[in-house]
Amino acid sequence: MHSQGALSGVKNPASISGSSTIPQLVGQLYETAAVDEKVHLLQHLMRPLGVTRVLPEDACATVGGEVAAVVEFVQQFSVQTVYGLAQMLAASPAMAGSALAALLVTELLRRARDLL
């Protein structure tokens, strides 16, 4: 795999390690995701807020910055939802080849390990 292609979804790859937060990574990943994946991400994040269905039109109208804000809010009371993103992304064939998804999963697992 060509390294430029692998990092094509990453905005400023040099800044990802260390300085980016999980909400920012989720927002960037959301921006690069296909509509179906956007719907799955939003449904996963919105479930603790009582939202059970997300329409593709809603997913298309939502931007990465808004998703990052949702992650920041949800992680205040449902850390399990945020850490559950790692499992969701790992199970997604569409996200499996994404360098940005791999970075997010790595960061989620690192932070979860630090909590133990």
N, C-alpha and C. Protein backbone atom coordinates (compact mmCIF):
# COMPACT_ATOMS: atom_id res chain seq x y z
N MET A 1 0.84 -1.18 0.00
CA MET A 1 0.00 0.00 0.00
C MET A 1 0.88 1.24 0.00
N HIS A 2 0.56 2.18 -0.81
CA HIS A 2 1.32 3.42 -0.93
C HIS A 2 1.06 4.28 0.30
N SER A 3 2.09 4.80 0.95
CA SER A 3 1.92 5.53 2.21
C SER A 3 1.09 6.80 2.04
N GLN A 4 1.20 7.47 0.91
CA GLN A 4 0.41 8.66 0.71
C GLN A 4 -1.07 8.30 0.66
N GLY A 5 -1.41 7.20 -0.01
CA GLY A 5 -2.79 6.75 -0.07
C GLY A 5 -3.30 6.33 1.29
N ALA A 6 -2.44 5.70 2.08
CA ALA A 6 -2.85 5.23 3.40
C ALA A 6 -3.18 6.39 4.32
N LEU A 7 -2.54 7.51 4.12
CA LEU A 7 -2.77 8.66 4.99
C LEU A 7 -3.61 9.73 4.31
N SER A 8 -4.27 9.38 3.22
CA SER A 8 -5.01 10.39 2.47
C SER A 8 -6.15 11.00 3.27
N GLY A 9 -6.71 10.26 4.24
CA GLY A 9 -7.80 10.81 5.04
C GLY A 9 -7.34 11.62 6.22
N VAL A 10 -6.04 11.64 6.46
CA VAL A 10 -5.50 12.33 7.63
C VAL A 10 -5.15 13.77 7.26
N LYS A 11 -5.72 14.70 7.98
CA LYS A 11 -5.37 16.10 7.79
C LYS A 11 -4.16 16.38 8.65
N ASN A 12 -3.04 16.70 8.03
CA ASN A 12 -1.79 16.95 8.71
C ASN A 12 -1.34 15.74 9.53
N PRO A 13 -0.89 14.66 8.86
CA PRO A 13 -0.51 13.43 9.54
C PRO A 13 0.54 13.62 10.63
N ALA A 14 1.42 14.57 10.47
CA ALA A 14 2.47 14.78 11.47
C ALA A 14 1.90 15.21 12.81
N SER A 15 0.72 15.82 12.81
CA SER A 15 0.16 16.32 14.07
C SER A 15 -0.71 15.29 14.77
N ILE A 16 -0.97 14.14 14.15
CA ILE A 16 -1.87 13.17 14.73
C ILE A 16 -1.32 12.57 16.01
N SER A 17 -0.07 12.14 15.99
CA SER A 17 0.46 11.47 17.17
C SER A 17 0.64 12.46 18.31
N GLY A 18 0.05 12.11 19.42
CA GLY A 18 0.24 12.88 20.63
C GLY A 18 -0.67 14.06 20.82
N SER A 19 -0.82 14.93 19.82
CA SER A 19 -1.53 16.17 20.07
C SER A 19 -3.02 16.11 19.74
N SER A 20 -3.44 15.19 18.91
CA SER A 20 -4.85 15.11 18.56
C SER A 20 -5.62 14.37 19.63
N THR A 21 -6.83 14.79 19.83
CA THR A 21 -7.68 14.15 20.80
C THR A 21 -8.60 13.17 20.11
N ILE A 22 -9.20 12.30 20.88
CA ILE A 22 -10.15 11.34 20.33
C ILE A 22 -11.29 12.04 19.62
N PRO A 23 -11.91 13.08 20.19
CA PRO A 23 -12.98 13.76 19.44
C PRO A 23 -12.52 14.30 18.09
N GLN A 24 -11.33 14.85 18.03
CA GLN A 24 -10.82 15.36 16.76
C GLN A 24 -10.61 14.25 15.75
N LEU A 25 -10.06 13.12 16.21
CA LEU A 25 -9.85 11.99 15.32
C LEU A 25 -11.18 11.44 14.80
N VAL A 26 -12.17 11.34 15.69
CA VAL A 26 -13.49 10.86 15.26
C VAL A 26 -14.08 11.82 14.23
N GLY A 27 -13.95 13.12 14.47
CA GLY A 27 -14.46 14.11 13.53
C GLY A 27 -13.79 14.01 12.17
N GLN A 28 -12.48 13.83 12.16
CA GLN A 28 -11.76 13.68 10.89
C GLN A 28 -12.15 12.39 10.19
N LEU A 29 -12.29 11.32 10.94
CA LEU A 29 -12.70 10.06 10.36
C LEU A 29 -14.10 10.18 9.75
N TYR A 30 -14.98 10.86 10.46
CA TYR A 30 -16.35 11.06 9.98
C TYR A 30 -16.34 11.80 8.64
N GLU A 31 -15.50 12.80 8.53
CA GLU A 31 -15.43 13.59 7.29
C GLU A 31 -15.05 12.73 6.08
N THR A 32 -14.25 11.69 6.30
CA THR A 32 -13.76 10.87 5.20
C THR A 32 -14.61 9.62 4.97
N ALA A 33 -15.56 9.36 5.85
CA ALA A 33 -16.34 8.11 5.79
C ALA A 33 -17.43 8.17 4.72
N ALA A 34 -17.80 7.00 4.23
CA ALA A 34 -18.95 6.86 3.33
C ALA A 34 -20.23 7.10 4.14
N VAL A 35 -21.30 7.38 3.45
CA VAL A 35 -22.57 7.72 4.12
C VAL A 35 -23.01 6.61 5.08
N ASP A 36 -22.93 5.35 4.65
CA ASP A 36 -23.35 4.24 5.53
C ASP A 36 -22.53 4.22 6.82
N GLU A 37 -21.24 4.46 6.71
CA GLU A 37 -20.38 4.49 7.90
C GLU A 37 -20.69 5.70 8.77
N LYS A 38 -21.02 6.82 8.16
CA LYS A 38 -21.42 8.00 8.93
C LYS A 38 -22.66 7.70 9.74
N VAL A 39 -23.63 7.03 9.13
CA VAL A 39 -24.86 6.66 9.83
C VAL A 39 -24.52 5.77 11.03
N HIS A 40 -23.67 4.76 10.83
CA HIS A 40 -23.30 3.86 11.93
C HIS A 40 -22.58 4.60 13.05
N LEU A 41 -21.66 5.48 12.69
CA LEU A 41 -20.94 6.26 13.71
C LEU A 41 -21.91 7.12 14.52
N LEU A 42 -22.80 7.83 13.82
CA LEU A 42 -23.76 8.68 14.52
C LEU A 42 -24.70 7.87 15.40
N GLN A 43 -25.19 6.76 14.90
CA GLN A 43 -26.09 5.93 15.71
C GLN A 43 -25.39 5.45 16.96
N HIS A 44 -24.15 5.04 16.83
CA HIS A 44 -23.38 4.57 17.99
C HIS A 44 -23.21 5.69 19.01
N LEU A 45 -22.86 6.87 18.54
CA LEU A 45 -22.60 7.98 19.45
C LEU A 45 -23.88 8.56 20.05
N MET A 46 -24.96 8.52 19.31
CA MET A 46 -26.21 9.14 19.76
C MET A 46 -27.08 8.22 20.62
N ARG A 47 -26.81 6.93 20.60
CA ARG A 47 -27.62 5.97 21.37
C ARG A 47 -27.74 6.35 22.84
N PRO A 48 -26.66 6.76 23.53
CA PRO A 48 -26.81 7.14 24.95
C PRO A 48 -27.68 8.38 25.15
N LEU A 49 -27.89 9.13 24.08
CA LEU A 49 -28.72 10.34 24.16
C LEU A 49 -30.17 10.05 23.83
N GLY A 50 -30.48 8.77 23.58
CA GLY A 50 -31.85 8.38 23.29
C GLY A 50 -32.22 8.38 21.82
N VAL A 51 -31.27 8.68 20.95
CA VAL A 51 -31.54 8.67 19.52
C VAL A 51 -31.32 7.25 19.02
N THR A 52 -32.35 6.68 18.40
CA THR A 52 -32.25 5.29 17.96
C THR A 52 -32.14 5.14 16.45
N ARG A 53 -32.37 6.23 15.73
CA ARG A 53 -32.31 6.14 14.27
C ARG A 53 -31.69 7.41 13.70
N VAL A 54 -30.79 7.23 12.76
CA VAL A 54 -30.17 8.35 12.06
C VAL A 54 -30.40 8.12 10.57
N LEU A 55 -30.95 9.11 9.92
CA LEU A 55 -31.21 9.02 8.49
C LEU A 55 -29.97 9.41 7.69
N PRO A 56 -29.80 8.84 6.50
CA PRO A 56 -28.66 9.23 5.67
C PRO A 56 -28.59 10.73 5.40
N GLU A 57 -29.76 11.36 5.26
CA GLU A 57 -29.77 12.83 5.03
C GLU A 57 -29.17 13.56 6.22
N ASP A 58 -29.48 13.06 7.43
CA ASP A 58 -28.92 13.67 8.63
C ASP A 58 -27.41 13.48 8.67
N ALA A 59 -26.97 12.28 8.30
CA ALA A 59 -25.54 11.98 8.31
C ALA A 59 -24.79 12.86 7.31
N CYS A 60 -25.41 13.09 6.16
CA CYS A 60 -24.76 13.92 5.14
C CYS A 60 -24.71 15.39 5.55
N ALA A 61 -25.69 15.83 6.32
CA ALA A 61 -25.77 17.23 6.74
C ALA A 61 -24.89 17.52 7.96
N THR A 62 -24.38 16.48 8.60
CA THR A 62 -23.57 16.63 9.81
C THR A 62 -22.10 16.69 9.41
N VAL A 63 -21.36 17.62 10.00
CA VAL A 63 -19.94 17.78 9.68
C VAL A 63 -19.07 17.24 10.82
N GLY A 64 -17.81 17.01 10.51
CA GLY A 64 -16.89 16.43 11.48
C GLY A 64 -16.77 17.20 12.78
N GLY A 65 -16.81 18.51 12.71
CA GLY A 65 -16.72 19.32 13.93
C GLY A 65 -17.89 19.08 14.86
N GLU A 66 -19.06 18.87 14.28
CA GLU A 66 -20.24 18.58 15.10
C GLU A 66 -20.13 17.20 15.74
N VAL A 67 -19.59 16.26 14.99
CA VAL A 67 -19.39 14.91 15.53
C VAL A 67 -18.36 14.95 16.66
N ALA A 68 -17.30 15.71 16.49
CA ALA A 68 -16.30 15.86 17.54
C ALA A 68 -16.94 16.43 18.81
N ALA A 69 -17.84 17.39 18.65
CA ALA A 69 -18.53 17.97 19.81
C ALA A 69 -19.42 16.93 20.49
N VAL A 70 -20.07 16.08 19.70
CA VAL A 70 -20.90 15.01 20.28
C VAL A 70 -20.02 14.05 21.08
N VAL A 71 -18.86 13.70 20.53
CA VAL A 71 -17.94 12.80 21.23
C VAL A 71 -17.51 13.43 22.56
N GLU A 72 -17.15 14.70 22.54
CA GLU A 72 -16.76 15.39 23.77
C GLU A 72 -17.87 15.34 24.81
N PHE A 73 -19.11 15.55 24.37
CA PHE A 73 -20.24 15.54 25.29
C PHE A 73 -20.51 14.12 25.81
N VAL A 74 -20.58 13.16 24.91
CA VAL A 74 -20.92 11.78 25.30
C VAL A 74 -19.87 11.19 26.23
N GLN A 75 -18.59 11.49 26.01
CA GLN A 75 -17.56 10.89 26.85
C GLN A 75 -17.61 11.39 28.29
N GLN A 76 -18.36 12.45 28.56
CA GLN A 76 -18.51 12.94 29.92
C GLN A 76 -19.36 12.01 30.78
N PHE A 77 -20.27 11.26 30.16
CA PHE A 77 -21.14 10.38 30.94
C PHE A 77 -21.21 8.96 30.42
N SER A 78 -20.63 8.69 29.26
CA SER A 78 -20.65 7.34 28.70
C SER A 78 -19.33 7.03 28.01
N VAL A 79 -18.30 6.87 28.81
CA VAL A 79 -16.97 6.57 28.27
C VAL A 79 -17.02 5.26 27.49
N GLN A 80 -17.88 4.32 27.93
CA GLN A 80 -18.00 3.04 27.25
C GLN A 80 -18.42 3.23 25.79
N THR A 81 -19.27 4.20 25.53
CA THR A 81 -19.70 4.47 24.15
C THR A 81 -18.51 4.89 23.30
N VAL A 82 -17.69 5.78 23.83
CA VAL A 82 -16.53 6.25 23.09
C VAL A 82 -15.54 5.11 22.87
N TYR A 83 -15.25 4.35 23.92
CA TYR A 83 -14.31 3.24 23.76
C TYR A 83 -14.90 2.13 22.89
N GLY A 84 -16.23 2.05 22.83
CA GLY A 84 -16.89 1.08 21.95
C GLY A 84 -16.65 1.37 20.48
N LEU A 85 -16.22 2.58 20.18
CA LEU A 85 -15.88 2.90 18.79
C LEU A 85 -14.76 2.01 18.26
N ALA A 86 -13.84 1.63 19.13
CA ALA A 86 -12.73 0.77 18.69
C ALA A 86 -13.26 -0.55 18.17
N GLN A 87 -14.18 -1.15 18.89
CA GLN A 87 -14.77 -2.42 18.46
C GLN A 87 -15.59 -2.24 17.18
N MET A 88 -16.34 -1.15 17.11
CA MET A 88 -17.16 -0.89 15.94
C MET A 88 -16.30 -0.70 14.70
N LEU A 89 -15.23 0.06 14.83
CA LEU A 89 -14.35 0.31 13.69
C LEU A 89 -13.60 -0.94 13.26
N ALA A 90 -13.17 -1.73 14.24
CA ALA A 90 -12.46 -2.96 13.92
C ALA A 90 -13.36 -3.95 13.17
N ALA A 91 -14.65 -3.90 13.43
CA ALA A 91 -15.60 -4.82 12.80
C ALA A 91 -16.09 -4.32 11.44
N SER A 92 -15.72 -3.12 11.07
CA SER A 92 -16.21 -2.52 9.83
C SER A 92 -15.26 -2.77 8.67
N PRO A 93 -15.67 -3.58 7.69
CA PRO A 93 -14.80 -3.81 6.53
C PRO A 93 -14.46 -2.51 5.78
N ALA A 94 -15.40 -1.57 5.76
CA ALA A 94 -15.17 -0.31 5.05
C ALA A 94 -14.10 0.54 5.74
N MET A 95 -13.97 0.40 7.05
CA MET A 95 -13.01 1.20 7.80
C MET A 95 -11.68 0.48 8.01
N ALA A 96 -11.66 -0.82 7.74
CA ALA A 96 -10.48 -1.64 8.04
C ALA A 96 -9.22 -1.12 7.35
N GLY A 97 -9.33 -0.55 6.17
CA GLY A 97 -8.16 -0.08 5.45
C GLY A 97 -7.81 1.37 5.70
N SER A 98 -8.51 2.01 6.59
CA SER A 98 -8.29 3.43 6.85
C SER A 98 -7.18 3.64 7.87
N ALA A 99 -6.17 4.39 7.48
CA ALA A 99 -5.10 4.73 8.41
C ALA A 99 -5.63 5.57 9.56
N LEU A 100 -6.57 6.44 9.27
CA LEU A 100 -7.15 7.28 10.32
C LEU A 100 -7.92 6.44 11.33
N ALA A 101 -8.68 5.44 10.85
CA ALA A 101 -9.39 4.54 11.76
C ALA A 101 -8.39 3.77 12.62
N ALA A 102 -7.28 3.33 12.02
CA ALA A 102 -6.25 2.61 12.77
C ALA A 102 -5.65 3.49 13.86
N LEU A 103 -5.41 4.75 13.54
CA LEU A 103 -4.88 5.69 14.54
C LEU A 103 -5.88 5.89 15.68
N LEU A 104 -7.15 6.02 15.34
CA LEU A 104 -8.18 6.21 16.35
C LEU A 104 -8.29 4.98 17.25
N VAL A 105 -8.32 3.80 16.67
CA VAL A 105 -8.40 2.57 17.46
C VAL A 105 -7.19 2.46 18.38
N THR A 106 -6.01 2.75 17.87
CA THR A 106 -4.79 2.71 18.67
C THR A 106 -4.88 3.67 19.85
N GLU A 107 -5.36 4.88 19.61
CA GLU A 107 -5.48 5.88 20.68
C GLU A 107 -6.53 5.46 21.70
N LEU A 108 -7.65 4.92 21.23
CA LEU A 108 -8.69 4.45 22.17
C LEU A 108 -8.16 3.32 23.05
N LEU A 109 -7.47 2.38 22.45
CA LEU A 109 -6.92 1.26 23.23
C LEU A 109 -5.85 1.74 24.19
N ARG A 110 -5.02 2.68 23.76
CA ARG A 110 -3.97 3.21 24.65
C ARG A 110 -4.59 3.89 25.87
N ARG A 111 -5.60 4.71 25.62
CA ARG A 111 -6.25 5.41 26.73
C ARG A 111 -6.98 4.45 27.65
N ALA A 112 -7.63 3.44 27.09
CA ALA A 112 -8.32 2.44 27.91
C ALA A 112 -7.31 1.70 28.78
N ARG A 113 -6.16 1.34 28.21
CA ARG A 113 -5.12 0.65 28.95
C ARG A 113 -4.59 1.56 30.09
N ASP A 114 -4.46 2.84 29.83
CA ASP A 114 -3.96 3.77 30.85
C ASP A 114 -4.92 3.90 32.03
N LEU A 115 -6.21 3.63 31.78
CA LEU A 115 -7.19 3.71 32.85
C LEU A 115 -7.15 2.51 33.80
N LEU A 116 -6.58 1.41 33.31
CA LEU A 116 -6.55 0.19 34.14
C LEU A 116 -5.51 0.24 35.19
